[in-house]
Amino acid sequence: GGLERADFTWGDEPRPGGKLMANTWDGPDFPWRSTGESGFDRTAPVGSFPPNGYGLRDMAGNVWEWTDDWWSGHPDDADKPCCVPLNPRGGDQEASFDPAQPQFQVPRKVIKGGSHLCADTYCLRYRPAARRPQMIDTGMSHVGFRCAWDVDARAPSTEEP
């Protein structure tokens, strides 16, 4: 959100001043009992939390964001912050299969940003760097997608001359 090397899209503290900044799991009893502190039992309506530094809302939490990238674990570079590419793209479909699960011959896409089922006591996945694989044939209530468009592009006019 315009912050260099911040842990979260809003800064370095998960709850600055005790304020919730994203729809994530409420309470220490994950996954059995939520405290309901956020006011949302599952997903929250878009715009329920403050925007980031770019004015974008819901960049973390609520639902994992489905991306266009094929999953690749990058195990050799995982602990090297020097080697994280700027605006990484791609991967390939064949490399997205999980060798630890040969019974599932389904390619995987990257999902990122965490969901309302992420707890700071459990997975802390609502960080900008958090990403995980998701099989392309499996839908879940806590995975979604973000619609975007080029603000410089103009839609064709529907007015008659």
C-alpha atoms as a PDB file:
ATOM      1  CA  GLY A   1       0.000   0.000   0.000  1.00  0.00           C
ATOM      2  CA  GLY A   2       2.856   2.407  -0.682  1.00  0.00           C
ATOM      3  CA  LEU A   3       4.902   1.253   2.319  1.00  0.00           C
ATOM      4  CA  GLU A   4       8.406  -0.118   1.742  1.00  0.00           C
ATOM      5  CA  ARG A   5       9.064  -3.487   3.405  1.00  0.00           C
ATOM      6  CA  ALA A   6       6.019  -3.282   5.689  1.00  0.00           C
ATOM      7  CA  ASP A   7       4.742  -6.538   7.149  1.00  0.00           C
ATOM      8  CA  PHE A   8       1.130  -5.754   6.243  1.00  0.00           C
ATOM      9  CA  THR A   9      -0.576  -3.594   3.612  1.00  0.00           C
ATOM     10  CA  TRP A  10      -1.265  -0.983   6.326  1.00  0.00           C
ATOM     11  CA  GLY A  11       2.091  -1.071   8.224  1.00  0.00           C
ATOM     12  CA  ASP A  12       4.049  -3.311  10.583  1.00  0.00           C
ATOM     13  CA  GLU A  13       1.549  -3.907  13.380  1.00  0.00           C
ATOM     14  CA  PRO A  14      -1.251  -6.471  12.873  1.00  0.00           C
ATOM     15  CA  ARG A  15      -3.713  -4.265  14.810  1.00  0.00           C
ATOM     16  CA  PRO A  16      -2.396  -0.713  15.166  1.00  0.00           C
ATOM     17  CA  GLY A  17      -3.897   0.815  18.299  1.00  0.00           C
ATOM     18  CA  GLY A  18      -6.036  -2.320  18.652  1.00  0.00           C
ATOM     19  CA  LYS A  19      -7.894  -1.494  15.423  1.00  0.00           C
ATOM     20  CA  LEU A  20      -8.806  -4.280  12.991  1.00  0.00           C
ATOM     21  CA  MET A  21      -7.442  -3.510   9.532  1.00  0.00           C
ATOM     22  CA  ALA A  22      -8.677  -6.580   7.622  1.00  0.00           C
ATOM     23  CA  ASN A  23     -11.224  -9.360   7.924  1.00  0.00           C
ATOM     24  CA  THR A  24      -9.203 -12.145   9.550  1.00  0.00           C
ATOM     25  CA  TRP A  25      -9.969 -14.710  12.252  1.00  0.00           C
ATOM     26  CA  ASP A  26     -11.077 -13.115  15.534  1.00  0.00           C
ATOM     27  CA  GLY A  27      -9.671 -14.617  18.713  1.00  0.00           C
ATOM     28  CA  PRO A  28      -7.125 -17.173  19.889  1.00  0.00           C
ATOM     29  CA  ASP A  29      -9.301 -20.288  19.516  1.00  0.00           C
ATOM     30  CA  PHE A  30      -8.706 -20.954  15.820  1.00  0.00           C
ATOM     31  CA  PRO A  31     -10.492 -22.801  14.230  1.00  0.00           C
ATOM     32  CA  TRP A  32     -13.122 -23.619  16.830  1.00  0.00           C
ATOM     33  CA  ARG A  33     -14.537 -20.355  18.115  1.00  0.00           C
ATOM     34  CA  SER A  34     -14.363 -16.822  16.786  1.00  0.00           C
ATOM     35  CA  THR A  35     -14.895 -13.920  19.172  1.00  0.00           C
ATOM     36  CA  GLY A  36     -16.838 -12.094  16.454  1.00  0.00           C
ATOM     37  CA  GLU A  37     -14.876  -8.902  17.158  1.00  0.00           C
ATOM     38  CA  SER A  38     -14.909  -7.850  13.499  1.00  0.00           C
ATOM     39  CA  GLY A  39     -18.680  -8.157  13.294  1.00  0.00           C
ATOM     40  CA  PHE A  40     -18.364 -10.647  10.432  1.00  0.00           C
ATOM     41  CA  ASP A  41     -18.858 -14.380  10.801  1.00  0.00           C
ATOM     42  CA  ARG A  42     -17.468 -15.116   7.341  1.00  0.00           C
ATOM     43  CA  THR A  43     -16.726 -12.709   4.486  1.00  0.00           C
ATOM     44  CA  ALA A  44     -17.184  -8.968   4.887  1.00  0.00           C
ATOM     45  CA  PRO A  45     -18.665  -6.587   2.306  1.00  0.00           C
ATOM     46  CA  VAL A  46     -16.067  -4.909   0.091  1.00  0.00           C
ATOM     47  CA  GLY A  47     -14.832  -1.677   1.650  1.00  0.00           C
ATOM     48  CA  SER A  48     -15.468  -2.666   5.275  1.00  0.00           C
ATOM     49  CA  PHE A  49     -11.914  -1.754   6.281  1.00  0.00           C
ATOM     50  CA  PRO A  50      -9.713   1.312   5.617  1.00  0.00           C
ATOM     51  CA  PRO A  51      -7.931   1.638   2.241  1.00  0.00           C
ATOM     52  CA  ASN A  52      -4.176   1.235   1.917  1.00  0.00           C
ATOM     53  CA  GLY A  53      -1.819   4.025   0.858  1.00  0.00           C
ATOM     54  CA  TYR A  54      -2.916   3.663  -2.772  1.00  0.00           C
ATOM     55  CA  GLY A  55      -6.605   3.871  -1.897  1.00  0.00           C
ATOM     56  CA  LEU A  56      -7.143   0.146  -2.533  1.00  0.00           C
ATOM     57  CA  ARG A  57      -9.380  -1.786  -0.175  1.00  0.00           C
ATOM     58  CA  ASP A  58      -9.312  -5.370   1.024  1.00  0.00           C
ATOM     59  CA  MET A  59      -5.808  -6.159  -0.185  1.00  0.00           C
ATOM     60  CA  ALA A  60      -5.431  -8.619   2.712  1.00  0.00           C
ATOM     61  CA  GLY A  61      -7.846 -10.892   4.527  1.00  0.00           C
ATOM     62  CA  ASN A  62     -11.494 -11.547   3.669  1.00  0.00           C
ATOM     63  CA  VAL A  63     -10.816 -14.004   0.796  1.00  0.00           C
ATOM     64  CA  TRP A  64      -7.627 -15.339  -0.750  1.00  0.00           C
ATOM     65  CA  GLU A  65      -7.058 -13.613  -4.093  1.00  0.00           C
ATOM     66  CA  TRP A  66      -6.861 -15.965  -7.087  1.00  0.00           C
ATOM     67  CA  THR A  67      -4.059 -14.848  -9.433  1.00  0.00           C
ATOM     68  CA  ASP A  68      -3.166 -15.659 -13.020  1.00  0.00           C
ATOM     69  CA  ASP A  69       0.220 -17.128 -12.036  1.00  0.00           C
ATOM     70  CA  TRP A  70       0.947 -20.846 -11.972  1.00  0.00           C
ATOM     71  CA  TRP A  71       2.284 -22.025  -8.613  1.00  0.00           C
ATOM     72  CA  SER A  72       6.017 -22.495  -8.215  1.00  0.00           C
ATOM     73  CA  GLY A  73       7.576 -23.002  -4.800  1.00  0.00           C
ATOM     74  CA  HIS A  74      10.954 -21.371  -5.544  1.00  0.00           C
ATOM     75  CA  PRO A  75      12.581 -23.415  -2.732  1.00  0.00           C
ATOM     76  CA  ASP A  76      16.139 -22.304  -3.553  1.00  0.00           C
ATOM     77  CA  ASP A  77      15.315 -18.610  -3.161  1.00  0.00           C
ATOM     78  CA  ALA A  78      12.809 -18.766  -0.286  1.00  0.00           C
ATOM     79  CA  ASP A  79      15.162 -17.322   2.343  1.00  0.00           C
ATOM     80  CA  LYS A  80      16.911 -14.790   0.110  1.00  0.00           C
ATOM     81  CA  PRO A  81      15.168 -11.393   0.094  1.00  0.00           C
ATOM     82  CA  CYS A  82      17.726 -10.296  -2.491  1.00  0.00           C
ATOM     83  CA  CYS A  83      16.334 -12.757  -4.979  1.00  0.00           C
ATOM     84  CA  VAL A  84      12.640 -12.000  -4.949  1.00  0.00           C
ATOM     85  CA  PRO A  85      11.920 -10.756  -8.471  1.00  0.00           C
ATOM     86  CA  LEU A  86      10.208  -7.435  -9.041  1.00  0.00           C
ATOM     87  CA  ASN A  87       6.691  -8.106 -10.369  1.00  0.00           C
ATOM     88  CA  PRO A  88       7.116 -11.877 -10.749  1.00  0.00           C
ATOM     89  CA  ARG A  89       4.989 -13.448 -13.474  1.00  0.00           C
ATOM     90  CA  GLY A  90       4.170 -16.816 -14.710  1.00  0.00           C
ATOM     91  CA  GLY A  91       5.534 -20.097 -13.593  1.00  0.00           C
ATOM     92  CA  ASP A  92       4.363 -22.902 -15.811  1.00  0.00           C
ATOM     93  CA  GLN A  93       1.503 -25.331 -15.616  1.00  0.00           C
ATOM     94  CA  GLU A  94       3.655 -28.485 -15.526  1.00  0.00           C
ATOM     95  CA  ALA A  95       5.764 -27.152 -12.647  1.00  0.00           C
ATOM     96  CA  SER A  96       2.637 -26.310 -10.627  1.00  0.00           C
ATOM     97  CA  PHE A  97       1.882 -29.952  -9.765  1.00  0.00           C
ATOM     98  CA  ASP A  98       2.718 -31.009  -6.199  1.00  0.00           C
ATOM     99  CA  PRO A  99       5.162 -33.960  -6.192  1.00  0.00           C
ATOM    100  CA  ALA A 100       4.195 -34.666  -2.563  1.00  0.00           C
ATOM    101  CA  GLN A 101       0.617 -35.339  -3.726  1.00  0.00           C
ATOM    102  CA  PRO A 102       0.943 -37.464  -6.886  1.00  0.00           C
ATOM    103  CA  GLN A 103      -2.650 -38.677  -6.481  1.00  0.00           C
ATOM    104  CA  PHE A 104      -3.840 -35.170  -7.443  1.00  0.00           C
ATOM    105  CA  GLN A 105      -2.865 -34.559 -11.053  1.00  0.00           C
ATOM    106  CA  VAL A 106      -4.361 -31.081 -11.013  1.00  0.00           C
ATOM    107  CA  PRO A 107      -2.332 -27.934 -11.775  1.00  0.00           C
ATOM    108  CA  ARG A 108      -2.250 -25.163  -9.197  1.00  0.00           C
ATOM    109  CA  LYS A 109      -2.531 -21.383  -9.375  1.00  0.00           C
ATOM    110  CA  VAL A 110      -1.181 -18.885  -6.823  1.00  0.00           C
ATOM    111  CA  ILE A 111      -3.584 -17.453  -4.268  1.00  0.00           C
ATOM    112  CA  LYS A 112      -2.422 -14.629  -2.025  1.00  0.00           C
ATOM    113  CA  GLY A 113      -3.425 -12.230   0.729  1.00  0.00           C
ATOM    114  CA  GLY A 114      -5.064 -14.573   3.241  1.00  0.00           C
ATOM    115  CA  SER A 115      -8.708 -14.819   4.222  1.00  0.00           C
ATOM    116  CA  HIS A 116     -11.156 -14.505   7.096  1.00  0.00           C
ATOM    117  CA  LEU A 117      -9.890 -17.947   8.163  1.00  0.00           C
ATOM    118  CA  CYS A 118      -6.311 -16.725   8.758  1.00  0.00           C
ATOM    119  CA  ALA A 119      -5.366 -16.116  12.374  1.00  0.00           C
ATOM    120  CA  ASP A 120      -2.269 -14.372  13.672  1.00  0.00           C
ATOM    121  CA  THR A 121      -1.931 -17.264  16.146  1.00  0.00           C
ATOM    122  CA  TYR A 122      -2.013 -19.827  13.345  1.00  0.00           C
ATOM    123  CA  CYS A 123      -0.955 -18.898   9.837  1.00  0.00           C
ATOM    124  CA  LEU A 124      -0.435 -15.112   9.590  1.00  0.00           C
ATOM    125  CA  ARG A 125      -1.140 -15.308   5.851  1.00  0.00           C
ATOM    126  CA  TYR A 126      -2.697 -11.867   5.433  1.00  0.00           C
ATOM    127  CA  ARG A 127       0.637 -10.313   4.500  1.00  0.00           C
ATOM    128  CA  PRO A 128       1.525  -9.014   1.015  1.00  0.00           C
ATOM    129  CA  ALA A 129       4.179 -11.719   0.614  1.00  0.00           C
ATOM    130  CA  ALA A 130       1.910 -14.613   1.630  1.00  0.00           C
ATOM    131  CA  ARG A 131       1.109 -16.943  -1.226  1.00  0.00           C
ATOM    132  CA  ARG A 132       0.080 -20.554  -1.521  1.00  0.00           C
ATOM    133  CA  PRO A 133      -1.012 -23.076  -4.164  1.00  0.00           C
ATOM    134  CA  GLN A 134      -4.650 -23.767  -5.007  1.00  0.00           C
ATOM    135  CA  MET A 135      -5.807 -26.560  -7.319  1.00  0.00           C
ATOM    136  CA  ILE A 136      -7.648 -25.076 -10.302  1.00  0.00           C
ATOM    137  CA  ASP A 137     -10.611 -27.450  -9.993  1.00  0.00           C
ATOM    138  CA  THR A 138     -11.416 -26.688  -6.356  1.00  0.00           C
ATOM    139  CA  GLY A 139     -13.654 -23.824  -5.287  1.00  0.00           C
ATOM    140  CA  MET A 140     -13.807 -22.557  -1.703  1.00  0.00           C
ATOM    141  CA  SER A 141     -15.878 -19.930   0.073  1.00  0.00           C
ATOM    142  CA  HIS A 142     -12.738 -18.114   1.190  1.00  0.00           C
ATOM    143  CA  VAL A 143     -11.102 -17.781  -2.267  1.00  0.00           C
ATOM    144  CA  GLY A 144     -12.101 -14.999  -4.659  1.00  0.00           C
ATOM    145  CA  PHE A 145     -10.717 -12.757  -7.367  1.00  0.00           C
ATOM    146  CA  ARG A 146     -10.169  -9.056  -7.914  1.00  0.00           C
ATOM    147  CA  CYS A 147     -11.614  -7.208 -10.878  1.00  0.00           C
ATOM    148  CA  ALA A 148      -9.389  -4.523 -12.361  1.00  0.00           C
ATOM    149  CA  TRP A 149      -9.155  -2.385 -15.460  1.00  0.00           C
ATOM    150  CA  ASP A 150      -6.793   0.064 -17.059  1.00  0.00           C
ATOM    151  CA  VAL A 151      -7.900   3.507 -15.911  1.00  0.00           C
ATOM    152  CA  ASP A 152      -6.403   5.036 -19.056  1.00  0.00           C
ATOM    153  CA  ALA A 153      -8.495   2.836 -21.346  1.00  0.00           C
ATOM    154  CA  ARG A 154     -11.723   4.345 -22.568  1.00  0.00           C
ATOM    155  CA  ALA A 155     -14.833   2.276 -23.129  1.00  0.00           C
ATOM    156  CA  PRO A 156     -16.411   2.696 -26.552  1.00  0.00           C
ATOM    157  CA  SER A 157     -19.215   5.213 -26.582  1.00  0.00           C
ATOM    158  CA  THR A 158     -22.763   3.866 -26.572  1.00  0.00           C
ATOM    159  CA  GLU A 159     -24.195   7.166 -27.777  1.00  0.00           C
ATOM    160  CA  GLU A 160     -25.594   7.324 -31.279  1.00  0.00           C
ATOM    161  CA  PRO A 161     -24.007   9.920 -33.594  1.00  0.00           C
END
